N, C-alpha and C. Protein backbone atom coordinates (compact mmCIF):
# COMPACT_ATOMS: atom_id res chain seq x y z
N MET A 1 -9.43 -36.99 -28.74
CA MET A 1 -8.57 -37.04 -27.59
C MET A 1 -7.48 -35.97 -27.67
N LYS A 2 -6.86 -35.84 -28.85
CA LYS A 2 -5.83 -34.82 -29.02
C LYS A 2 -6.42 -33.42 -28.88
N PHE A 3 -7.65 -33.27 -29.32
CA PHE A 3 -8.33 -31.98 -29.21
C PHE A 3 -8.53 -31.60 -27.74
N ASN A 4 -8.91 -32.57 -26.91
CA ASN A 4 -9.10 -32.31 -25.48
C ASN A 4 -7.80 -31.89 -24.81
N ILE A 5 -6.72 -32.55 -25.13
CA ILE A 5 -5.42 -32.20 -24.57
C ILE A 5 -5.01 -30.81 -25.02
N LEU A 6 -5.22 -30.51 -26.28
CA LEU A 6 -4.90 -29.19 -26.80
C LEU A 6 -5.74 -28.12 -26.12
N LEU A 7 -7.03 -28.38 -25.98
CA LEU A 7 -7.93 -27.44 -25.33
C LEU A 7 -7.52 -27.20 -23.88
N LEU A 8 -7.21 -28.26 -23.15
CA LEU A 8 -6.78 -28.11 -21.77
C LEU A 8 -5.46 -27.35 -21.67
N SER A 9 -4.57 -27.58 -22.60
CA SER A 9 -3.29 -26.86 -22.61
C SER A 9 -3.50 -25.37 -22.83
N VAL A 10 -4.38 -25.03 -23.76
CA VAL A 10 -4.66 -23.62 -24.04
C VAL A 10 -5.31 -22.95 -22.82
N ILE A 11 -6.23 -23.64 -22.19
CA ILE A 11 -6.89 -23.09 -21.01
C ILE A 11 -5.88 -22.89 -19.87
N ALA A 12 -5.02 -23.86 -19.67
CA ALA A 12 -4.00 -23.75 -18.62
C ALA A 12 -3.05 -22.60 -18.91
N LEU A 13 -2.63 -22.45 -20.15
CA LEU A 13 -1.74 -21.36 -20.54
C LEU A 13 -2.41 -20.02 -20.31
N PHE A 14 -3.66 -19.91 -20.68
CA PHE A 14 -4.41 -18.67 -20.48
C PHE A 14 -4.53 -18.34 -19.00
N ALA A 15 -4.83 -19.33 -18.17
CA ALA A 15 -4.99 -19.12 -16.73
C ALA A 15 -3.67 -18.66 -16.11
N LEU A 16 -2.58 -19.28 -16.50
CA LEU A 16 -1.28 -18.90 -15.96
C LEU A 16 -0.88 -17.50 -16.37
N SER A 17 -1.13 -17.14 -17.61
CA SER A 17 -0.76 -15.81 -18.07
C SER A 17 -1.62 -14.73 -17.43
N SER A 18 -2.89 -15.01 -17.16
CA SER A 18 -3.74 -14.02 -16.51
C SER A 18 -3.32 -13.82 -15.06
N CYS A 19 -2.87 -14.88 -14.39
CA CYS A 19 -2.37 -14.75 -13.02
C CYS A 19 -1.13 -13.87 -13.00
N GLN A 20 -0.26 -14.03 -13.97
CA GLN A 20 0.95 -13.22 -14.05
C GLN A 20 0.59 -11.76 -14.31
N THR A 21 -0.42 -11.51 -15.13
CA THR A 21 -0.86 -10.15 -15.41
C THR A 21 -1.37 -9.49 -14.14
N ILE A 22 -2.16 -10.19 -13.36
CA ILE A 22 -2.67 -9.65 -12.11
C ILE A 22 -1.51 -9.36 -11.16
N GLU A 23 -0.57 -10.28 -11.07
CA GLU A 23 0.61 -10.08 -10.22
C GLU A 23 1.39 -8.85 -10.65
N ASN A 24 1.59 -8.68 -11.95
CA ASN A 24 2.32 -7.51 -12.45
C ASN A 24 1.60 -6.21 -12.10
N LYS A 25 0.29 -6.19 -12.27
CA LYS A 25 -0.48 -4.99 -11.95
C LYS A 25 -0.43 -4.68 -10.47
N SER A 26 -0.53 -5.69 -9.63
CA SER A 26 -0.49 -5.43 -8.19
C SER A 26 0.89 -4.95 -7.76
N GLN A 27 1.95 -5.52 -8.33
CA GLN A 27 3.29 -5.07 -8.00
C GLN A 27 3.53 -3.63 -8.45
N ARG A 28 2.97 -3.28 -9.59
CA ARG A 28 3.08 -1.91 -10.09
C ARG A 28 2.35 -0.94 -9.15
N ALA A 29 1.16 -1.32 -8.69
CA ALA A 29 0.39 -0.47 -7.77
C ALA A 29 1.12 -0.31 -6.44
N ILE A 30 1.73 -1.37 -5.95
CA ILE A 30 2.48 -1.30 -4.69
C ILE A 30 3.68 -0.38 -4.84
N LYS A 31 4.37 -0.46 -5.96
CA LYS A 31 5.54 0.40 -6.19
C LYS A 31 5.12 1.87 -6.24
N ILE A 32 4.03 2.17 -6.92
CA ILE A 32 3.54 3.55 -7.00
C ILE A 32 3.18 4.06 -5.61
N GLU A 33 2.50 3.23 -4.83
CA GLU A 33 2.12 3.60 -3.46
C GLU A 33 3.36 3.86 -2.61
N ASN A 34 4.33 2.98 -2.67
CA ASN A 34 5.56 3.15 -1.88
C ASN A 34 6.34 4.38 -2.31
N ASP A 35 6.41 4.66 -3.60
CA ASP A 35 7.09 5.85 -4.09
C ASP A 35 6.40 7.11 -3.57
N LYS A 36 5.08 7.10 -3.59
CA LYS A 36 4.30 8.25 -3.12
C LYS A 36 4.54 8.50 -1.63
N LEU A 37 4.51 7.43 -0.83
CA LEU A 37 4.65 7.59 0.61
C LEU A 37 6.09 7.82 1.04
N SER A 38 7.05 7.35 0.26
CA SER A 38 8.46 7.54 0.59
C SER A 38 8.85 9.01 0.58
N LYS A 39 8.13 9.82 -0.14
CA LYS A 39 8.43 11.26 -0.20
C LYS A 39 8.25 11.94 1.15
N PHE A 40 7.50 11.31 2.06
CA PHE A 40 7.29 11.88 3.38
C PHE A 40 8.40 11.54 4.36
N LEU A 41 9.24 10.55 4.04
CA LEU A 41 10.31 10.16 4.95
C LEU A 41 11.27 11.32 5.17
N GLN A 42 11.67 11.49 6.42
CA GLN A 42 12.57 12.56 6.86
C GLN A 42 11.97 13.96 6.63
N GLN A 43 10.66 14.02 6.50
CA GLN A 43 9.95 15.30 6.42
C GLN A 43 9.29 15.57 7.77
N PRO A 44 9.05 16.84 8.09
CA PRO A 44 8.39 17.12 9.37
C PRO A 44 6.93 16.67 9.38
N GLU A 45 6.44 16.40 10.56
CA GLU A 45 5.06 15.99 10.76
C GLU A 45 4.10 17.01 10.14
N SER A 46 4.44 18.27 10.20
CA SER A 46 3.56 19.32 9.66
C SER A 46 3.35 19.17 8.15
N GLU A 47 4.38 18.74 7.44
CA GLU A 47 4.26 18.52 5.99
C GLU A 47 3.28 17.38 5.70
N LEU A 48 3.36 16.33 6.50
CA LEU A 48 2.44 15.20 6.36
C LEU A 48 1.00 15.65 6.59
N ARG A 49 0.79 16.48 7.60
CA ARG A 49 -0.55 16.98 7.88
C ARG A 49 -1.07 17.89 6.77
N ILE A 50 -0.19 18.67 6.17
CA ILE A 50 -0.60 19.56 5.08
C ILE A 50 -1.10 18.75 3.89
N VAL A 51 -0.35 17.72 3.52
CA VAL A 51 -0.68 16.94 2.33
C VAL A 51 -1.79 15.92 2.60
N MET A 52 -1.70 15.19 3.68
CA MET A 52 -2.64 14.10 3.96
C MET A 52 -3.83 14.54 4.80
N GLY A 53 -3.74 15.68 5.43
CA GLY A 53 -4.82 16.13 6.31
C GLY A 53 -4.62 15.59 7.72
N GLU A 54 -5.62 15.80 8.55
CA GLU A 54 -5.55 15.30 9.92
C GLU A 54 -5.72 13.78 9.91
N PRO A 55 -4.94 13.08 10.73
CA PRO A 55 -5.05 11.62 10.77
C PRO A 55 -6.39 11.17 11.37
N ASP A 56 -6.83 10.00 10.96
CA ASP A 56 -8.05 9.42 11.51
C ASP A 56 -7.83 8.89 12.92
N ASP A 57 -6.59 8.53 13.21
CA ASP A 57 -6.25 8.01 14.54
C ASP A 57 -4.79 8.33 14.82
N ILE A 58 -4.47 8.55 16.09
CA ILE A 58 -3.09 8.76 16.52
C ILE A 58 -2.81 7.75 17.61
N ILE A 59 -1.75 6.96 17.41
CA ILE A 59 -1.37 5.91 18.35
C ILE A 59 0.01 6.24 18.90
N LYS A 60 0.18 6.11 20.20
CA LYS A 60 1.48 6.34 20.84
C LYS A 60 1.98 5.01 21.40
N ASP A 61 3.28 4.74 21.21
CA ASP A 61 3.84 3.52 21.80
C ASP A 61 4.70 3.88 23.00
N ASP A 62 5.18 2.87 23.70
CA ASP A 62 5.95 3.10 24.93
C ASP A 62 7.37 3.60 24.67
N LYS A 63 7.80 3.60 23.43
CA LYS A 63 9.14 4.09 23.08
C LYS A 63 9.14 5.58 22.76
N GLY A 64 7.98 6.20 22.76
CA GLY A 64 7.89 7.62 22.47
C GLY A 64 7.52 7.94 21.04
N SER A 65 7.38 6.93 20.22
CA SER A 65 6.98 7.16 18.83
C SER A 65 5.48 7.37 18.74
N ILE A 66 5.09 8.14 17.76
CA ILE A 66 3.67 8.40 17.49
C ILE A 66 3.38 7.88 16.10
N PHE A 67 2.22 7.28 15.92
CA PHE A 67 1.80 6.78 14.62
C PHE A 67 0.55 7.51 14.18
N PHE A 68 0.61 8.13 13.01
CA PHE A 68 -0.57 8.74 12.41
C PHE A 68 -1.20 7.70 11.49
N VAL A 69 -2.48 7.46 11.66
CA VAL A 69 -3.18 6.45 10.88
C VAL A 69 -4.23 7.16 10.02
N TYR A 70 -4.15 6.91 8.72
CA TYR A 70 -5.11 7.44 7.75
C TYR A 70 -5.88 6.27 7.16
N ILE A 71 -7.20 6.35 7.20
CA ILE A 71 -8.03 5.26 6.70
C ILE A 71 -8.99 5.80 5.63
N LYS A 72 -9.00 5.16 4.49
CA LYS A 72 -9.90 5.51 3.39
C LYS A 72 -10.55 4.24 2.88
N LYS A 73 -11.72 4.38 2.29
CA LYS A 73 -12.40 3.24 1.65
C LYS A 73 -12.56 3.55 0.17
N LYS A 74 -12.20 2.57 -0.66
CA LYS A 74 -12.34 2.70 -2.11
C LYS A 74 -12.81 1.36 -2.63
N TYR A 75 -13.90 1.37 -3.37
CA TYR A 75 -14.47 0.14 -3.90
C TYR A 75 -14.72 -0.89 -2.79
N ASN A 76 -15.14 -0.38 -1.63
CA ASN A 76 -15.45 -1.21 -0.48
C ASN A 76 -14.23 -1.94 0.08
N ILE A 77 -13.03 -1.45 -0.22
CA ILE A 77 -11.78 -1.99 0.31
C ILE A 77 -11.17 -0.92 1.20
N THR A 78 -10.81 -1.29 2.41
CA THR A 78 -10.24 -0.34 3.36
C THR A 78 -8.74 -0.19 3.11
N CYS A 79 -8.34 1.05 2.95
CA CYS A 79 -6.92 1.40 2.76
C CYS A 79 -6.44 2.04 4.06
N GLU A 80 -5.38 1.48 4.63
CA GLU A 80 -4.82 2.02 5.87
C GLU A 80 -3.36 2.39 5.65
N ARG A 81 -3.07 3.66 5.88
CA ARG A 81 -1.68 4.14 5.81
C ARG A 81 -1.28 4.59 7.21
N LYS A 82 -0.13 4.09 7.66
CA LYS A 82 0.33 4.41 9.01
C LYS A 82 1.74 4.99 8.90
N PHE A 83 1.93 6.18 9.48
CA PHE A 83 3.22 6.86 9.46
C PHE A 83 3.78 6.94 10.87
N GLU A 84 5.06 6.61 11.01
CA GLU A 84 5.71 6.70 12.31
C GLU A 84 6.40 8.05 12.43
N ILE A 85 6.12 8.74 13.55
CA ILE A 85 6.70 10.04 13.83
C ILE A 85 7.61 9.88 15.04
N ASP A 86 8.87 10.33 14.94
CA ASP A 86 9.79 10.18 16.07
C ASP A 86 9.66 11.35 17.05
N ASN A 87 10.53 11.37 18.05
CA ASN A 87 10.48 12.41 19.08
C ASN A 87 10.77 13.80 18.53
N ASN A 88 11.46 13.88 17.40
CA ASN A 88 11.78 15.17 16.78
C ASN A 88 10.68 15.64 15.82
N LYS A 89 9.54 14.94 15.83
CA LYS A 89 8.39 15.24 14.97
C LYS A 89 8.74 15.12 13.48
N MET A 90 9.55 14.10 13.17
CA MET A 90 9.91 13.80 11.79
C MET A 90 9.34 12.44 11.42
N VAL A 91 8.92 12.29 10.17
CA VAL A 91 8.40 11.01 9.68
C VAL A 91 9.60 10.08 9.45
N VAL A 92 9.56 8.92 10.11
CA VAL A 92 10.69 7.99 10.00
C VAL A 92 10.30 6.64 9.40
N GLY A 93 9.02 6.42 9.16
CA GLY A 93 8.60 5.15 8.58
C GLY A 93 7.14 5.18 8.21
N PHE A 94 6.73 4.19 7.41
CA PHE A 94 5.33 4.08 7.02
C PHE A 94 5.00 2.64 6.66
N THR A 95 3.72 2.34 6.73
CA THR A 95 3.20 1.08 6.22
C THR A 95 1.91 1.41 5.47
N SER A 96 1.59 0.58 4.52
CA SER A 96 0.40 0.77 3.71
C SER A 96 -0.25 -0.60 3.50
N LYS A 97 -1.56 -0.66 3.74
CA LYS A 97 -2.25 -1.94 3.63
C LYS A 97 -3.57 -1.73 2.90
N GLY A 98 -3.77 -2.44 1.81
CA GLY A 98 -5.02 -2.38 1.07
C GLY A 98 -5.17 -1.17 0.17
N CYS A 99 -4.08 -0.46 -0.08
CA CYS A 99 -4.13 0.77 -0.88
C CYS A 99 -3.65 0.49 -2.30
N PHE A 100 -4.33 1.10 -3.26
CA PHE A 100 -3.92 0.98 -4.67
C PHE A 100 -4.26 2.23 -5.41
């Protein structure tokens, strides 16, 4: 009986620590992605095009902002990066989904 409790405790401890490891790795990947994309903030649209290439899609909203959308697939996971370009053709924001 004591062996079963000990075994279950070890398994639970292992499961919890592996979840934390995955969380740490994902947070590290998100930070690297955000640091990489933050370098484009307050840069001209032309710089974004030089580094990232032509966008896969361009979306315009009713406020006059333009969004450049870049889509890549890696390991069968779709990575979407979206950059907001203001009226002065400067990058003012970004979002990243599924990228690592």
